[in-house]
Amino acid sequence: MSVKAASVASVTFYLDGHKLRTLSAKNAHNGQLRITIGTAKLRLGAHKLVAKITMVGSPKPAAVTRSLTVVRCASPFVAPRFTG
């Protein structure tokens, strides 16, 4: 998941309600604040990734939330052919 770094003070990423990482504007690379999730380590099923974005430039810090659902499916099980 990535967020444009323009006018952003910080972004906090959560996966299923657990805090993963907080990135600030100084962590931006090519104008993006980005996090990579290794889906192989997730359990099967749906997982919610949330980015809580704190904007800069207003008297009261404004917060915006963006979410994304990631689904990890089971590998298809192929039964061997009966050979008799």
N, C-alpha and C. Protein backbone atom coordinates (compact mmCIF):
# COMPACT_ATOMS: atom_id res chain seq x y z
N MET A 1 0.85 -1.15 0.00
CA MET A 1 0.00 0.00 0.00
C MET A 1 0.90 1.22 0.00
N SER A 2 0.53 2.22 -0.77
CA SER A 2 1.33 3.44 -0.80
C SER A 2 0.41 4.66 -0.73
N VAL A 3 0.97 5.75 -0.19
CA VAL A 3 0.27 7.01 -0.02
C VAL A 3 1.17 8.10 -0.55
N LYS A 4 0.61 9.06 -1.30
CA LYS A 4 1.41 10.19 -1.77
C LYS A 4 1.85 11.03 -0.58
N ALA A 5 3.08 11.49 -0.60
CA ALA A 5 3.66 12.17 0.55
C ALA A 5 3.36 13.66 0.59
N ALA A 6 2.73 14.22 -0.44
CA ALA A 6 2.45 15.65 -0.48
C ALA A 6 1.47 16.03 0.63
N SER A 7 1.83 17.01 1.45
CA SER A 7 1.01 17.54 2.55
C SER A 7 0.70 16.50 3.63
N VAL A 8 1.53 15.49 3.76
CA VAL A 8 1.32 14.46 4.77
C VAL A 8 2.39 14.58 5.85
N ALA A 9 1.95 14.63 7.11
CA ALA A 9 2.90 14.67 8.21
C ALA A 9 3.36 13.26 8.56
N SER A 10 2.40 12.33 8.68
CA SER A 10 2.76 10.95 8.99
C SER A 10 1.63 10.01 8.57
N VAL A 11 2.00 8.75 8.39
CA VAL A 11 1.04 7.69 8.06
C VAL A 11 1.32 6.52 8.99
N THR A 12 0.28 6.00 9.62
CA THR A 12 0.40 4.83 10.47
C THR A 12 -0.37 3.70 9.82
N PHE A 13 0.29 2.57 9.60
CA PHE A 13 -0.32 1.42 8.95
C PHE A 13 -0.72 0.38 10.00
N TYR A 14 -1.93 -0.16 9.85
CA TYR A 14 -2.45 -1.19 10.74
C TYR A 14 -2.90 -2.38 9.91
N LEU A 15 -2.65 -3.59 10.39
CA LEU A 15 -3.12 -4.81 9.75
C LEU A 15 -3.96 -5.56 10.77
N ASP A 16 -5.24 -5.72 10.49
CA ASP A 16 -6.19 -6.37 11.40
C ASP A 16 -6.17 -5.74 12.79
N GLY A 17 -6.04 -4.42 12.85
CA GLY A 17 -6.06 -3.70 14.12
C GLY A 17 -4.74 -3.62 14.85
N HIS A 18 -3.70 -4.26 14.32
CA HIS A 18 -2.38 -4.23 14.95
C HIS A 18 -1.48 -3.25 14.20
N LYS A 19 -0.83 -2.37 14.95
CA LYS A 19 0.03 -1.36 14.35
C LYS A 19 1.26 -2.02 13.74
N LEU A 20 1.51 -1.70 12.45
CA LEU A 20 2.68 -2.23 11.78
C LEU A 20 3.84 -1.25 11.81
N ARG A 21 3.60 -0.03 11.32
CA ARG A 21 4.69 0.93 11.18
C ARG A 21 4.12 2.34 11.03
N THR A 22 4.87 3.33 11.50
CA THR A 22 4.54 4.73 11.28
C THR A 22 5.63 5.34 10.42
N LEU A 23 5.23 5.97 9.32
CA LEU A 23 6.16 6.63 8.42
C LEU A 23 5.89 8.12 8.41
N SER A 24 6.94 8.93 8.35
CA SER A 24 6.79 10.38 8.27
C SER A 24 7.24 10.84 6.90
N ALA A 25 7.13 12.13 6.65
CA ALA A 25 7.47 12.68 5.34
C ALA A 25 8.94 12.44 4.99
N LYS A 26 9.81 12.36 5.99
CA LYS A 26 11.22 12.13 5.69
C LYS A 26 11.50 10.70 5.22
N ASN A 27 10.54 9.78 5.41
CA ASN A 27 10.68 8.41 4.92
C ASN A 27 10.20 8.23 3.49
N ALA A 28 9.77 9.31 2.85
CA ALA A 28 9.21 9.22 1.50
C ALA A 28 10.30 8.87 0.49
N HIS A 29 9.92 8.04 -0.48
CA HIS A 29 10.81 7.66 -1.57
C HIS A 29 10.04 7.90 -2.87
N ASN A 30 10.57 8.76 -3.71
CA ASN A 30 9.91 9.15 -4.97
C ASN A 30 8.50 9.71 -4.71
N GLY A 31 8.34 10.45 -3.63
CA GLY A 31 7.06 11.07 -3.32
C GLY A 31 6.01 10.12 -2.78
N GLN A 32 6.41 8.93 -2.35
CA GLN A 32 5.46 7.93 -1.86
C GLN A 32 5.88 7.44 -0.47
N LEU A 33 4.89 7.25 0.39
CA LEU A 33 5.10 6.55 1.66
C LEU A 33 4.53 5.17 1.45
N ARG A 34 5.36 4.16 1.52
CA ARG A 34 4.98 2.82 1.05
C ARG A 34 5.33 1.77 2.09
N ILE A 35 4.47 0.74 2.16
CA ILE A 35 4.72 -0.42 3.02
C ILE A 35 4.40 -1.67 2.20
N THR A 36 5.20 -2.71 2.42
CA THR A 36 4.99 -3.98 1.72
C THR A 36 4.61 -5.03 2.75
N ILE A 37 3.57 -5.80 2.43
CA ILE A 37 3.08 -6.84 3.32
C ILE A 37 3.39 -8.19 2.69
N GLY A 38 4.04 -9.08 3.44
CA GLY A 38 4.30 -10.44 2.96
C GLY A 38 3.06 -11.29 3.19
N THR A 39 2.30 -11.54 2.14
CA THR A 39 1.03 -12.26 2.30
C THR A 39 1.22 -13.73 2.61
N ALA A 40 2.39 -14.29 2.36
CA ALA A 40 2.63 -15.70 2.66
C ALA A 40 2.57 -15.98 4.16
N LYS A 41 2.81 -14.96 4.97
CA LYS A 41 2.80 -15.14 6.42
C LYS A 41 1.41 -14.93 7.03
N LEU A 42 0.45 -14.48 6.22
CA LEU A 42 -0.90 -14.24 6.72
C LEU A 42 -1.69 -15.54 6.75
N ARG A 43 -2.64 -15.63 7.65
CA ARG A 43 -3.55 -16.77 7.68
C ARG A 43 -4.50 -16.68 6.50
N LEU A 44 -5.12 -17.79 6.18
CA LEU A 44 -6.09 -17.80 5.10
C LEU A 44 -7.29 -16.93 5.47
N GLY A 45 -7.86 -16.26 4.48
CA GLY A 45 -9.04 -15.44 4.71
C GLY A 45 -8.77 -13.97 4.43
N ALA A 46 -9.72 -13.13 4.83
CA ALA A 46 -9.65 -11.70 4.57
C ALA A 46 -8.92 -10.98 5.70
N HIS A 47 -8.14 -9.98 5.33
CA HIS A 47 -7.40 -9.16 6.28
C HIS A 47 -7.58 -7.70 5.88
N LYS A 48 -7.68 -6.82 6.88
CA LYS A 48 -7.91 -5.41 6.61
C LYS A 48 -6.65 -4.61 6.89
N LEU A 49 -6.19 -3.89 5.87
CA LEU A 49 -5.03 -3.01 5.98
C LEU A 49 -5.55 -1.58 6.01
N VAL A 50 -5.20 -0.83 7.05
CA VAL A 50 -5.70 0.54 7.24
C VAL A 50 -4.51 1.48 7.32
N ALA A 51 -4.62 2.62 6.62
CA ALA A 51 -3.61 3.67 6.70
C ALA A 51 -4.26 4.90 7.32
N LYS A 52 -3.79 5.32 8.49
CA LYS A 52 -4.28 6.53 9.13
C LYS A 52 -3.30 7.65 8.81
N ILE A 53 -3.77 8.62 8.04
CA ILE A 53 -2.93 9.67 7.49
C ILE A 53 -3.17 10.96 8.27
N THR A 54 -2.09 11.57 8.77
CA THR A 54 -2.17 12.86 9.43
C THR A 54 -1.65 13.91 8.47
N MET A 55 -2.52 14.87 8.14
CA MET A 55 -2.17 15.91 7.18
C MET A 55 -1.46 17.07 7.89
N VAL A 56 -0.68 17.82 7.13
CA VAL A 56 0.04 18.96 7.66
C VAL A 56 -0.51 20.22 7.00
N GLY A 57 -0.34 21.35 7.65
CA GLY A 57 -0.72 22.61 7.03
C GLY A 57 -2.03 23.19 7.53
N SER A 58 -2.72 22.53 8.42
CA SER A 58 -3.94 23.09 8.98
C SER A 58 -3.69 23.38 10.46
N PRO A 59 -4.44 24.34 11.02
CA PRO A 59 -4.22 24.66 12.44
C PRO A 59 -4.45 23.45 13.34
N LYS A 60 -5.48 22.67 13.03
CA LYS A 60 -5.74 21.44 13.78
C LYS A 60 -5.37 20.28 12.87
N PRO A 61 -4.48 19.38 13.29
CA PRO A 61 -4.06 18.28 12.40
C PRO A 61 -5.26 17.45 11.94
N ALA A 62 -5.44 17.39 10.64
CA ALA A 62 -6.54 16.61 10.08
C ALA A 62 -6.08 15.17 9.87
N ALA A 63 -6.98 14.24 10.16
CA ALA A 63 -6.66 12.83 9.98
C ALA A 63 -7.61 12.22 8.96
N VAL A 64 -7.06 11.41 8.08
CA VAL A 64 -7.82 10.73 7.03
C VAL A 64 -7.49 9.25 7.14
N THR A 65 -8.48 8.40 6.88
CA THR A 65 -8.26 6.96 6.94
C THR A 65 -8.55 6.34 5.58
N ARG A 66 -7.66 5.49 5.13
CA ARG A 66 -7.85 4.72 3.90
C ARG A 66 -7.69 3.25 4.26
N SER A 67 -8.56 2.40 3.68
CA SER A 67 -8.47 0.98 4.00
C SER A 67 -8.46 0.13 2.74
N LEU A 68 -7.95 -1.07 2.90
CA LEU A 68 -7.81 -2.01 1.81
C LEU A 68 -7.98 -3.41 2.39
N THR A 69 -8.74 -4.25 1.69
CA THR A 69 -8.93 -5.63 2.13
C THR A 69 -8.06 -6.55 1.30
N VAL A 70 -7.29 -7.39 1.98
CA VAL A 70 -6.42 -8.36 1.33
C VAL A 70 -6.97 -9.74 1.63
N VAL A 71 -7.14 -10.57 0.60
CA VAL A 71 -7.67 -11.92 0.79
C VAL A 71 -6.60 -12.92 0.41
N ARG A 72 -6.29 -13.82 1.33
CA ARG A 72 -5.35 -14.90 1.03
C ARG A 72 -6.15 -16.18 0.89
N CYS A 73 -6.08 -16.77 -0.28
CA CYS A 73 -6.85 -17.97 -0.58
C CYS A 73 -5.97 -19.21 -0.38
N ALA A 74 -6.64 -20.32 -0.11
CA ALA A 74 -5.93 -21.59 0.02
C ALA A 74 -5.50 -22.06 -1.36
N SER A 75 -4.40 -22.77 -1.40
CA SER A 75 -3.97 -23.31 -2.69
C SER A 75 -4.94 -24.41 -3.09
N PRO A 76 -5.22 -24.51 -4.37
CA PRO A 76 -6.19 -25.52 -4.80
C PRO A 76 -5.65 -26.93 -4.55
N PHE A 77 -6.48 -27.78 -3.96
CA PHE A 77 -6.09 -29.15 -3.67
C PHE A 77 -6.54 -30.02 -4.82
N VAL A 78 -5.61 -30.70 -5.42
CA VAL A 78 -5.93 -31.58 -6.54
C VAL A 78 -5.78 -33.01 -6.07
N ALA A 79 -6.87 -33.76 -6.11
CA ALA A 79 -6.84 -35.16 -5.68
C ALA A 79 -6.17 -36.00 -6.77
N PRO A 80 -5.33 -36.94 -6.37
CA PRO A 80 -4.69 -37.78 -7.38
C PRO A 80 -5.71 -38.68 -8.07
N ARG A 81 -5.45 -39.01 -9.30
CA ARG A 81 -6.34 -39.89 -10.05
C ARG A 81 -6.28 -41.31 -9.50
N PHE A 82 -7.43 -41.91 -9.42
CA PHE A 82 -7.50 -43.29 -8.96
C PHE A 82 -6.95 -44.20 -10.06
N THR A 83 -5.98 -45.02 -9.70
CA THR A 83 -5.34 -45.85 -10.72
C THR A 83 -5.80 -47.30 -10.67
N GLY A 84 -6.69 -47.63 -9.80
CA GLY A 84 -7.31 -48.93 -9.88
C GLY A 84 -6.87 -49.92 -8.94
